[in-house]
PDB file of N, CA and C in Angstrom:
ATOM      1  N   MET A   1     135.441  17.024 168.583  1.00  0.00           N
ATOM      2  CA  MET A   1     135.163  18.159 167.731  1.00  0.00           C
ATOM      3  C   MET A   1     136.149  18.153 166.568  1.00  0.00           C
ATOM      4  N   ALA A   2     135.639  18.216 165.355  1.00  0.00           N
ATOM      5  CA  ALA A   2     136.489  18.235 164.165  1.00  0.00           C
ATOM      6  C   ALA A   2     137.362  19.484 164.155  1.00  0.00           C
ATOM      7  N   VAL A   3     138.567  19.337 163.622  1.00  0.00           N
ATOM      8  CA  VAL A   3     139.461  20.470 163.405  1.00  0.00           C
ATOM      9  C   VAL A   3     139.937  20.429 161.959  1.00  0.00           C
ATOM     10  N   TYR A   4     140.291  21.594 161.450  1.00  0.00           N
ATOM     11  CA  TYR A   4     140.700  21.732 160.068  1.00  0.00           C
ATOM     12  C   TYR A   4     142.085  22.362 160.008  1.00  0.00           C
ATOM     13  N   LEU A   5     142.986  21.678 159.350  1.00  0.00           N
ATOM     14  CA  LEU A   5     144.330  22.191 159.113  1.00  0.00           C
ATOM     15  C   LEU A   5     144.293  22.942 157.796  1.00  0.00           C
ATOM     16  N   ILE A   6     144.667  24.207 157.831  1.00  0.00           N
ATOM     17  CA  ILE A   6     144.740  25.034 156.634  1.00  0.00           C
ATOM     18  C   ILE A   6     146.213  25.373 156.425  1.00  0.00           C
ATOM     19  N   ALA A   7     146.757  24.907 155.320  1.00  0.00           N
ATOM     20  CA  ALA A   7     148.169  25.149 155.014  1.00  0.00           C
ATOM     21  C   ALA A   7     148.248  26.020 153.782  1.00  0.00           C
ATOM     22  N   ASP A   8     148.849  27.199 153.923  1.00  0.00           N
ATOM     23  CA  ASP A   8     149.129  27.989 152.731  1.00  0.00           C
ATOM     24  C   ASP A   8     150.628  27.928 152.502  1.00  0.00           C
ATOM     25  N   VAL A   9     150.997  27.535 151.299  1.00  0.00           N
ATOM     26  CA  VAL A   9     152.379  27.181 150.992  1.00  0.00           C
ATOM     27  C   VAL A   9     152.875  27.985 149.784  1.00  0.00           C
ATOM     28  N   THR A  10     153.995  28.658 149.974  1.00  0.00           N
ATOM     29  CA  THR A  10     154.696  29.329 148.884  1.00  0.00           C
ATOM     30  C   THR A  10     155.977  28.549 148.648  1.00  0.00           C
ATOM     31  N   VAL A  11     156.090  27.969 147.484  1.00  0.00           N
ATOM     32  CA  VAL A  11     157.215  27.096 147.158  1.00  0.00           C
ATOM     33  C   VAL A  11     158.457  27.929 146.854  1.00  0.00           C
ATOM     34  N   THR A  12     159.573  27.554 147.480  1.00  0.00           N
ATOM     35  CA  THR A  12     160.860  28.195 147.202  1.00  0.00           C
ATOM     36  C   THR A  12     161.834  27.249 146.510  1.00  0.00           C
ATOM     37  N   ASP A  13     161.567  25.940 146.611  1.00  0.00           N
ATOM     38  CA  ASP A  13     162.370  24.900 145.956  1.00  0.00           C
ATOM     39  C   ASP A  13     161.434  23.722 145.710  1.00  0.00           C
ATOM     40  N   GLU A  14     161.223  23.377 144.457  1.00  0.00           N
ATOM     41  CA  GLU A  14     160.237  22.352 144.096  1.00  0.00           C
ATOM     42  C   GLU A  14     160.685  20.919 144.364  1.00  0.00           C
ATOM     43  N   ALA A  15     161.902  20.701 144.799  1.00  0.00           N
ATOM     44  CA  ALA A  15     162.460  19.356 144.931  1.00  0.00           C
ATOM     45  C   ALA A  15     161.636  18.448 145.859  1.00  0.00           C
ATOM     46  N   TRP A  16     160.971  18.967 146.835  1.00  0.00           N
ATOM     47  CA  TRP A  16     160.251  18.178 147.835  1.00  0.00           C
ATOM     48  C   TRP A  16     158.835  17.786 147.429  1.00  0.00           C
ATOM     49  N   ILE A  17     158.270  18.476 146.454  1.00  0.00           N
ATOM     50  CA  ILE A  17     156.831  18.397 146.192  1.00  0.00           C
ATOM     51  C   ILE A  17     156.362  16.999 145.782  1.00  0.00           C
ATOM     52  N   ALA A  18     156.987  16.364 144.814  1.00  0.00           N
ATOM     53  CA  ALA A  18     156.500  15.074 144.306  1.00  0.00           C
ATOM     54  C   ALA A  18     156.476  14.014 145.402  1.00  0.00           C
ATOM     55  N   ASP A  19     157.540  13.906 146.158  1.00  0.00           N
ATOM     56  CA  ASP A  19     157.612  12.910 147.229  1.00  0.00           C
ATOM     57  C   ASP A  19     156.582  13.209 148.322  1.00  0.00           C
ATOM     58  N   TYR A  20     156.452  14.470 148.689  1.00  0.00           N
ATOM     59  CA  TYR A  20     155.492  14.879 149.707  1.00  0.00           C
ATOM     60  C   TYR A  20     154.068  14.564 149.252  1.00  0.00           C
ATOM     61  N   ALA A  21     153.731  14.977 148.029  1.00  0.00           N
ATOM     62  CA  ALA A  21     152.382  14.786 147.509  1.00  0.00           C
ATOM     63  C   ALA A  21     152.015  13.302 147.402  1.00  0.00           C
ATOM     64  N   THR A  22     152.994  12.475 147.093  1.00  0.00           N
ATOM     65  CA  THR A  22     152.754  11.045 146.939  1.00  0.00           C
ATOM     66  C   THR A  22     152.535  10.346 148.280  1.00  0.00           C
ATOM     67  N   ASN A  23     153.200  10.783 149.325  1.00  0.00           N
ATOM     68  CA  ASN A  23     153.237  10.027 150.584  1.00  0.00           C
ATOM     69  C   ASN A  23     152.447  10.594 151.757  1.00  0.00           C
ATOM     70  N   VAL A  24     152.301  11.896 151.848  1.00  0.00           N
ATOM     71  CA  VAL A  24     151.752  12.496 153.068  1.00  0.00           C
ATOM     72  C   VAL A  24     150.260  12.227 153.236  1.00  0.00           C
ATOM     73  N   HIS A  25     149.536  12.099 152.136  1.00  0.00           N
ATOM     74  CA  HIS A  25     148.111  11.786 152.246  1.00  0.00           C
ATOM     75  C   HIS A  25     147.887  10.528 153.080  1.00  0.00           C
ATOM     76  N   ASP A  26     148.666   9.487 152.832  1.00  0.00           N
ATOM     77  CA  ASP A  26     148.496   8.230 153.569  1.00  0.00           C
ATOM     78  C   ASP A  26     148.823   8.382 155.050  1.00  0.00           C
ATOM     79  N   ILE A  27     149.801   9.215 155.367  1.00  0.00           N
ATOM     80  CA  ILE A  27     150.154   9.439 156.779  1.00  0.00           C
ATOM     81  C   ILE A  27     149.028  10.196 157.477  1.00  0.00           C
ATOM     82  N   ALA A  28     148.491  11.225 156.819  1.00  0.00           N
ATOM     83  CA  ALA A  28     147.360  11.968 157.392  1.00  0.00           C
ATOM     84  C   ALA A  28     146.155  11.046 157.569  1.00  0.00           C
ATOM     85  N   HIS A  29     145.891  10.227 156.561  1.00  0.00           N
ATOM     86  CA  HIS A  29     144.752   9.307 156.602  1.00  0.00           C
ATOM     87  C   HIS A  29     144.871   8.328 157.777  1.00  0.00           C
ATOM     88  N   LYS A  30     146.082   7.890 158.067  1.00  0.00           N
ATOM     89  CA  LYS A  30     146.330   6.983 159.194  1.00  0.00           C
ATOM     90  C   LYS A  30     145.837   7.591 160.512  1.00  0.00           C
ATOM     91  N   HIS A  31     145.819   8.918 160.590  1.00  0.00           N
ATOM     92  CA  HIS A  31     145.405   9.619 161.813  1.00  0.00           C
ATOM     93  C   HIS A  31     143.992  10.192 161.688  1.00  0.00           C
ATOM     94  N   GLY A  32     143.240   9.693 160.716  1.00  0.00           N
ATOM     95  CA  GLY A  32     141.861  10.153 160.541  1.00  0.00           C
ATOM     96  C   GLY A  32     141.742  11.389 159.677  1.00  0.00           C
ATOM     97  N   GLY A  33     142.855  11.839 159.095  1.00  0.00           N
ATOM     98  CA  GLY A  33     142.837  13.030 158.262  1.00  0.00           C
ATOM     99  C   GLY A  33     142.209  12.764 156.907  1.00  0.00           C
ATOM    100  N   LYS A  34     141.461  13.747 156.438  1.00  0.00           N
ATOM    101  CA  LYS A  34     140.825  13.658 155.127  1.00  0.00           C
ATOM    102  C   LYS A  34     141.065  14.974 154.397  1.00  0.00           C
ATOM    103  N   TYR A  35     141.778  14.881 153.267  1.00  0.00           N
ATOM    104  CA  TYR A  35     141.997  16.084 152.461  1.00  0.00           C
ATOM    105  C   TYR A  35     140.665  16.529 151.863  1.00  0.00           C
ATOM    106  N   LEU A  36     140.297  17.768 152.109  1.00  0.00           N
ATOM    107  CA  LEU A  36     139.118  18.354 151.494  1.00  0.00           C
ATOM    108  C   LEU A  36     139.512  19.123 150.242  1.00  0.00           C
ATOM    109  N   SER A  37     140.757  19.595 150.200  1.00  0.00           N
ATOM    110  CA  SER A  37     141.293  20.271 149.024  1.00  0.00           C
ATOM    111  C   SER A  37     142.807  20.375 149.157  1.00  0.00           C
ATOM    112  N   ARG A  38     143.487  20.311 148.022  1.00  0.00           N
ATOM    113  CA  ARG A  38     144.917  20.604 147.925  1.00  0.00           C
ATOM    114  C   ARG A  38     145.078  21.227 146.550  1.00  0.00           C
ATOM    115  N   SER A  39     144.902  22.552 146.508  1.00  0.00           N
ATOM    116  CA  SER A  39     144.713  23.220 145.228  1.00  0.00           C
ATOM    117  C   SER A  39     145.661  24.393 145.003  1.00  0.00           C
ATOM    118  N   ALA A  40     146.015  24.567 143.748  1.00  0.00           N
ATOM    119  CA  ALA A  40     146.766  25.742 143.319  1.00  0.00           C
ATOM    120  C   ALA A  40     145.842  26.731 142.610  1.00  0.00           C
ATOM    121  N   ASN A  41     144.571  26.397 142.509  1.00  0.00           N
ATOM    122  CA  ASN A  41     143.580  27.279 141.881  1.00  0.00           C
ATOM    123  C   ASN A  41     143.039  28.229 142.944  1.00  0.00           C
ATOM    124  N   ILE A  42     143.764  29.306 143.177  1.00  0.00           N
ATOM    125  CA  ILE A  42     143.448  30.241 144.254  1.00  0.00           C
ATOM    126  C   ILE A  42     142.989  31.565 143.635  1.00  0.00           C
ATOM    127  N   SER A  43     141.808  31.987 144.002  1.00  0.00           N
ATOM    128  CA  SER A  43     141.277  33.270 143.544  1.00  0.00           C
ATOM    129  C   SER A  43     140.945  34.110 144.768  1.00  0.00           C
ATOM    130  N   THR A  44     141.219  35.378 144.681  1.00  0.00           N
ATOM    131  CA  THR A  44     140.876  36.295 145.763  1.00  0.00           C
ATOM    132  C   THR A  44     139.630  37.061 145.341  1.00  0.00           C
ATOM    133  N   VAL A  45     138.596  37.017 146.150  1.00  0.00           N
ATOM    134  CA  VAL A  45     137.365  37.734 145.832  1.00  0.00           C
ATOM    135  C   VAL A  45     137.229  39.017 146.648  1.00  0.00           C
ATOM    136  N   GLU A  46     138.065  39.159 147.669  1.00  0.00           N
ATOM    137  CA  GLU A  46     138.045  40.373 148.484  1.00  0.00           C
ATOM    138  C   GLU A  46     139.368  40.473 149.227  1.00  0.00           C
ATOM    139  N   GLY A  47     139.889  41.664 149.379  1.00  0.00           N
ATOM    140  CA  GLY A  47     141.129  41.867 150.124  1.00  0.00           C
ATOM    141  C   GLY A  47     142.365  41.679 149.273  1.00  0.00           C
ATOM    142  N   GLU A  48     143.493  41.546 149.950  1.00  0.00           N
ATOM    143  CA  GLU A  48     144.792  41.407 149.288  1.00  0.00           C
ATOM    144  C   GLU A  48     144.908  40.056 148.584  1.00  0.00           C
ATOM    145  N   PRO A  49     145.523  40.019 147.415  1.00  0.00           N
ATOM    146  CA  PRO A  49     145.732  38.738 146.745  1.00  0.00           C
ATOM    147  C   PRO A  49     146.566  37.786 147.605  1.00  0.00           C
ATOM    148  N   CYS A  50     146.215  36.523 147.556  1.00  0.00           N
ATOM    149  CA  CYS A  50     146.948  35.500 148.288  1.00  0.00           C
ATOM    150  C   CYS A  50     148.278  35.255 147.586  1.00  0.00           C
ATOM    151  N   LYS A  51     149.340  35.206 148.349  1.00  0.00           N
ATOM    152  CA  LYS A  51     150.670  34.981 147.778  1.00  0.00           C
ATOM    153  C   LYS A  51     151.041  33.500 147.725  1.00  0.00           C
ATOM    154  N   ALA A  52     150.236  32.641 148.332  1.00  0.00           N
ATOM    155  CA  ALA A  52     150.538  31.213 148.361  1.00  0.00           C
ATOM    156  C   ALA A  52     150.416  30.602 146.968  1.00  0.00           C
ATOM    157  N   ASP A  53     151.244  29.597 146.711  1.00  0.00           N
ATOM    158  CA  ASP A  53     151.165  28.834 145.464  1.00  0.00           C
ATOM    159  C   ASP A  53     150.125  27.729 145.574  1.00  0.00           C
ATOM    160  N   MET A  54     149.847  27.300 146.816  1.00  0.00           N
ATOM    161  CA  MET A  54     148.945  26.181 147.045  1.00  0.00           C
ATOM    162  C   MET A  54     148.351  26.317 148.440  1.00  0.00           C
ATOM    163  N   ILE A  55     147.095  25.903 148.564  1.00  0.00           N
ATOM    164  CA  ILE A  55     146.445  25.847 149.874  1.00  0.00           C
ATOM    165  C   ILE A  55     145.856  24.454 150.033  1.00  0.00           C
ATOM    166  N   ALA A  56     146.106  23.861 151.183  1.00  0.00           N
ATOM    167  CA  ALA A  56     145.525  22.555 151.498  1.00  0.00           C
ATOM    168  C   ALA A  56     144.588  22.720 152.681  1.00  0.00           C
ATOM    169  N   LEU A  57     143.488  21.998 152.630  1.00  0.00           N
ATOM    170  CA  LEU A  57     142.521  21.962 153.725  1.00  0.00           C
ATOM    171  C   LEU A  57     142.320  20.499 154.092  1.00  0.00           C
ATOM    172  N   VAL A  58     142.691  20.153 155.335  1.00  0.00           N
ATOM    173  CA  VAL A  58     142.621  18.767 155.783  1.00  0.00           C
ATOM    174  C   VAL A  58     141.793  18.700 157.058  1.00  0.00           C
ATOM    175  N   GLU A  59     140.786  17.852 157.054  1.00  0.00           N
ATOM    176  CA  GLU A  59     139.923  17.667 158.225  1.00  0.00           C
ATOM    177  C   GLU A  59     140.453  16.511 159.077  1.00  0.00           C
ATOM    178  N   PHE A  60     140.524  16.738 160.391  1.00  0.00           N
ATOM    179  CA  PHE A  60     140.881  15.691 161.353  1.00  0.00           C
ATOM    180  C   PHE A  60     139.743  15.561 162.356  1.00  0.00           C
ATOM    181  N   PRO A  61     139.558  14.376 162.939  1.00  0.00           N
ATOM    182  CA  PRO A  61     138.445  14.187 163.877  1.00  0.00           C
ATOM    183  C   PRO A  61     138.557  15.046 165.138  1.00  0.00           C
ATOM    184  N   ASP A  62     139.785  15.378 165.540  1.00  0.00           N
ATOM    185  CA  ASP A  62     139.996  16.215 166.726  1.00  0.00           C
ATOM    186  C   ASP A  62     141.453  16.680 166.753  1.00  0.00           C
ATOM    187  N   MET A  63     141.762  17.543 167.710  1.00  0.00           N
ATOM    188  CA  MET A  63     143.106  18.112 167.807  1.00  0.00           C
ATOM    189  C   MET A  63     144.142  17.041 168.120  1.00  0.00           C
ATOM    190  N   ALA A  64     143.780  16.047 168.906  1.00  0.00           N
ATOM    191  CA  ALA A  64     144.727  14.976 169.233  1.00  0.00           C
ATOM    192  C   ALA A  64     145.149  14.230 167.964  1.00  0.00           C
ATOM    193  N   ALA A  65     144.224  13.984 167.059  1.00  0.00           N
ATOM    194  CA  ALA A  65     144.548  13.297 165.803  1.00  0.00           C
ATOM    195  C   ALA A  65     145.459  14.158 164.930  1.00  0.00           C
ATOM    196  N   LEU A  66     145.172  15.451 164.873  1.00  0.00           N
ATOM    197  CA  LEU A  66     146.034  16.357 164.107  1.00  0.00           C
ATOM    198  C   LEU A  66     147.444  16.378 164.687  1.00  0.00           C
ATOM    199  N   GLN A  67     147.558  16.475 165.998  1.00  0.00           N
ATOM    200  CA  GLN A  67     148.868  16.482 166.645  1.00  0.00           C
ATOM    201  C   GLN A  67     149.605  15.164 166.418  1.00  0.00           C
ATOM    202  N   ALA A  68     148.867  14.055 166.427  1.00  0.00           N
ATOM    203  CA  ALA A  68     149.484  12.751 166.170  1.00  0.00           C
ATOM    204  C   ALA A  68     150.048  12.705 164.757  1.00  0.00           C
ATOM    205  N   PHE A  69     149.345  13.297 163.804  1.00  0.00           N
ATOM    206  CA  PHE A  69     149.850  13.386 162.431  1.00  0.00           C
ATOM    207  C   PHE A  69     151.118  14.234 162.377  1.00  0.00           C
ATOM    208  N   ILE A  70     151.065  15.434 162.930  1.00  0.00           N
ATOM    209  CA  ILE A  70     152.215  16.356 162.896  1.00  0.00           C
ATOM    210  C   ILE A  70     153.435  15.718 163.547  1.00  0.00           C
ATOM    211  N   ASN A  71     153.229  14.964 164.620  1.00  0.00           N
ATOM    212  CA  ASN A  71     154.340  14.374 165.367  1.00  0.00           C
ATOM    213  C   ASN A  71     154.689  12.954 164.949  1.00  0.00           C
ATOM    214  N   ASP A  72     154.016  12.423 163.941  1.00  0.00           N
ATOM    215  CA  ASP A  72     154.283  11.062 163.485  1.00  0.00           C
ATOM    216  C   ASP A  72     155.718  10.967 162.943  1.00  0.00           C
ATOM    217  N   PRO A  73     156.508  10.032 163.444  1.00  0.00           N
ATOM    218  CA  PRO A  73     157.889   9.872 162.951  1.00  0.00           C
ATOM    219  C   PRO A  73     157.959   9.640 161.439  1.00  0.00           C
ATOM    220  N   GLU A  74     156.929   9.010 160.879  1.00  0.00           N
ATOM    221  CA  GLU A  74     156.874   8.802 159.428  1.00  0.00           C
ATOM    222  C   GLU A  74     156.779  10.120 158.664  1.00  0.00           C
ATOM    223  N   TYR A  75     156.173  11.119 159.281  1.00  0.00           N
ATOM    224  CA  TYR A  75     155.970  12.422 158.642  1.00  0.00           C
ATOM    225  C   TYR A  75     157.193  13.332 158.769  1.00  0.00           C
ATOM    226  N   LYS A  76     158.065  13.070 159.709  1.00  0.00           N
ATOM    227  CA  LYS A  76     159.160  13.975 160.054  1.00  0.00           C
ATOM    228  C   LYS A  76     159.996  14.412 158.844  1.00  0.00           C
ATOM    229  N   ALA A  77     160.465  13.484 158.036  1.00  0.00           N
ATOM    230  CA  ALA A  77     161.318  13.842 156.894  1.00  0.00           C
ATOM    231  C   ALA A  77     160.544  14.661 155.859  1.00  0.00           C
ATOM    232  N   PHE A  78     159.269  14.324 155.651  1.00  0.00           N
ATOM    233  CA  PHE A  78     158.454  15.077 154.693  1.00  0.00           C
ATOM    234  C   PHE A  78     158.212  16.499 155.201  1.00  0.00           C
ATOM    235  N   ARG A  79     157.939  16.616 156.495  1.00  0.00           N
ATOM    236  CA  ARG A  79     157.729  17.930 157.107  1.00  0.00           C
ATOM    237  C   ARG A  79     158.982  18.783 156.979  1.00  0.00           C
ATOM    238  N   GLU A  80     160.123  18.198 157.281  1.00  0.00           N
ATOM    239  CA  GLU A  80     161.387  18.940 157.185  1.00  0.00           C
ATOM    240  C   GLU A  80     161.666  19.387 155.750  1.00  0.00           C
ATOM    241  N   SER A  81     161.379  18.541 154.766  1.00  0.00           N
ATOM    242  CA  SER A  81     161.619  18.928 153.376  1.00  0.00           C
ATOM    243  C   SER A  81     160.662  20.043 152.946  1.00  0.00           C
ATOM    244  N   ARG A  82     159.403  19.996 153.427  1.00  0.00           N
ATOM    245  CA  ARG A  82     158.463  21.083 153.119  1.00  0.00           C
ATOM    246  C   ARG A  82     158.929  22.390 153.724  1.00  0.00           C
ATOM    247  N   ILE A  83     159.360  22.339 154.968  1.00  0.00           N
ATOM    248  CA  ILE A  83     159.832  23.549 155.643  1.00  0.00           C
ATOM    249  C   ILE A  83     161.055  24.122 154.932  1.00  0.00           C
ATOM    250  N   LYS A  84     161.967  23.244 154.517  1.00  0.00           N
ATOM    251  CA  LYS A  84     163.186  23.684 153.832  1.00  0.00           C
ATOM    252  C   LYS A  84     162.887  24.270 152.448  1.00  0.00           C
ATOM    253  N   GLY A  85     161.883  23.733 151.763  1.00  0.00           N
ATOM    254  CA  GLY A  85     161.616  24.134 150.389  1.00  0.00           C
ATOM    255  C   GLY A  85     160.412  25.032 150.193  1.00  0.00           C
ATOM    256  N   SER A  86     159.946  25.658 151.275  1.00  0.00           N
ATOM    257  CA  SER A  86     158.776  26.526 151.127  1.00  0.00           C
ATOM    258  C   SER A  86     158.676  27.502 152.297  1.00  0.00           C
ATOM    259  N   ILE A  87     157.794  28.442 152.106  1.00  0.00           N
ATOM    260  CA  ILE A  87     157.319  29.271 153.210  1.00  0.00           C
ATOM    261  C   ILE A  87     155.923  28.739 153.484  1.00  0.00           C
ATOM    262  N   SER A  88     155.757  28.076 154.605  1.00  0.00           N
ATOM    263  CA  SER A  88     154.487  27.418 154.926  1.00  0.00           C
ATOM    264  C   SER A  88     153.882  28.031 156.174  1.00  0.00           C
ATOM    265  N   ASN A  89     152.609  28.321 156.092  1.00  0.00           N
ATOM    266  CA  ASN A  89     151.847  28.776 157.243  1.00  0.00           C
ATOM    267  C   ASN A  89     150.753  27.755 157.480  1.00  0.00           C
ATOM    268  N   LEU A  90     150.757  27.143 158.654  1.00  0.00           N
ATOM    269  CA  LEU A  90     149.747  26.151 159.003  1.00  0.00           C
ATOM    270  C   LEU A  90     148.864  26.726 160.102  1.00  0.00           C
ATOM    271  N   HIS A  91     147.573  26.698 159.849  1.00  0.00           N
ATOM    272  CA  HIS A  91     146.591  27.217 160.789  1.00  0.00           C
ATOM    273  C   HIS A  91     145.620  26.094 161.132  1.00  0.00           C
ATOM    274  N   VAL A  92     145.040  26.143 162.312  1.00  0.00           N
ATOM    275  CA  VAL A  92     144.046  25.158 162.712  1.00  0.00           C
ATOM    276  C   VAL A  92     142.815  25.905 163.215  1.00  0.00           C
ATOM    277  N   ILE A  93     141.658  25.490 162.701  1.00  0.00           N
ATOM    278  CA  ILE A  93     140.389  25.997 163.226  1.00  0.00           C
ATOM    279  C   ILE A  93     139.528  24.788 163.590  1.00  0.00           C
ATOM    280  N   ASP A  94     138.589  24.994 164.494  1.00  0.00           N
ATOM    281  CA  ASP A  94     137.661  23.917 164.814  1.00  0.00           C
ATOM    282  C   ASP A  94     136.375  24.133 164.030  1.00  0.00           C
ATOM    283  N   ASP A  95     135.372  23.334 164.309  1.00  0.00           N
ATOM    284  CA  ASP A  95     134.117  23.431 163.550  1.00  0.00           C
ATOM    285  C   ASP A  95     133.045  24.220 164.301  1.00  0.00           C
ATOM    286  N   SER A  96     133.471  25.139 165.160  1.00  0.00           N
ATOM    287  CA  SER A  96     132.504  25.896 165.963  1.00  0.00           C
ATOM    288  C   SER A  96     132.109  27.209 165.301  1.00  0.00           C
ATOM    289  N   ASP A  97     131.055  27.805 165.822  1.00  0.00           N
ATOM    290  CA  ASP A  97     130.563  29.099 165.372  1.00  0.00           C
ATOM    291  C   ASP A  97     130.814  30.120 166.484  1.00  0.00           C
ATOM    292  N   ALA A  98     131.782  30.998 166.264  1.00  0.00           N
ATOM    293  CA  ALA A  98     132.146  31.993 167.279  1.00  0.00           C
ATOM    294  C   ALA A  98     130.990  32.940 167.592  1.00  0.00           C
ATOM    295  N   ALA A  99     130.131  33.226 166.601  1.00  0.00           N
ATOM    296  CA  ALA A  99     129.000  34.135 166.818  1.00  0.00           C
ATOM    297  C   ALA A  99     127.797  33.436 167.447  1.00  0.00           C
ATOM    298  N   LYS A 100     127.826  32.111 167.466  1.00  0.00           N
ATOM    299  CA  LYS A 100     126.775  31.298 168.088  1.00  0.00           C
ATOM    300  C   LYS A 100     125.392  31.510 167.464  1.00  0.00           C
ATOM    301  N   THR A 101     125.353  31.741 166.162  1.00  0.00           N
ATOM    302  CA  THR A 101     124.063  31.969 165.491  1.00  0.00           C
ATOM    303  C   THR A 101     123.742  30.925 164.433  1.00  0.00           C
ATOM    304  N   ILE A 102     124.671  30.032 164.109  1.00  0.00           N
ATOM    305  CA  ILE A 102     124.411  28.990 163.108  1.00  0.00           C
ATOM    306  C   ILE A 102     124.005  27.739 163.883  1.00  0.00           C
ATOM    307  N   PRO A 103     122.758  27.327 163.749  1.00  0.00           N
ATOM    308  CA  PRO A 103     122.226  26.269 164.608  1.00  0.00           C
ATOM    309  C   PRO A 103     122.905  24.903 164.453  1.00  0.00           C
ATOM    310  N   TYR A 104     123.468  24.598 163.300  1.00  0.00           N
ATOM    311  CA  TYR A 104     124.040  23.271 163.102  1.00  0.00           C
ATOM    312  C   TYR A 104     125.521  23.189 163.455  1.00  0.00           C
ATOM    313  N   LEU A 105     126.131  24.293 163.895  1.00  0.00           N
ATOM    314  CA  LEU A 105     127.522  24.265 164.352  1.00  0.00           C
ATOM    315  C   LEU A 105     127.582  24.353 165.869  1.00  0.00           C
ATOM    316  N   PRO A 106     128.582  23.672 166.463  1.00  0.00           N
ATOM    317  CA  PRO A 106     128.771  23.829 167.906  1.00  0.00           C
ATOM    318  C   PRO A 106     129.073  25.294 168.238  1.00  0.00           C
ATOM    319  N   LYS A 107     128.627  25.720 169.389  1.00  0.00           N
ATOM    320  CA  LYS A 107     128.876  27.099 169.814  1.00  0.00           C
ATOM    321  C   LYS A 107     130.356  27.271 170.162  1.00  0.00           C
ATOM    322  N   GLY A 108     130.955  28.371 169.710  1.00  0.00           N
ATOM    323  CA  GLY A 108     132.388  28.615 169.883  1.00  0.00           C
ATOM    324  C   GLY A 108     132.770  29.123 171.231  1.00  0.00           C
TER     325      GLY A 108
END
């Protein structure tokens, strides 16, 4: 079952961004990850405005692949620099339908 990593990031120190942006895509890709978006073009259409500077959406084939990416020794230094230089919230959702009414999604 596919899972989606949603990262909302508020930058507190820009020093980490260039190195992270250049290298992390390849590490995620090694684990089957595919960036669907990594954007600073954030608009709120309902509710409270988003405070994040950037939101990334990355698809992984399953939770094991996502965990392998997060725990990859190659990713460790990049992860630590992101944590040090930002307020990051990482969320994971699967591709299911909790209401069980969309026929093409797995039932949640």
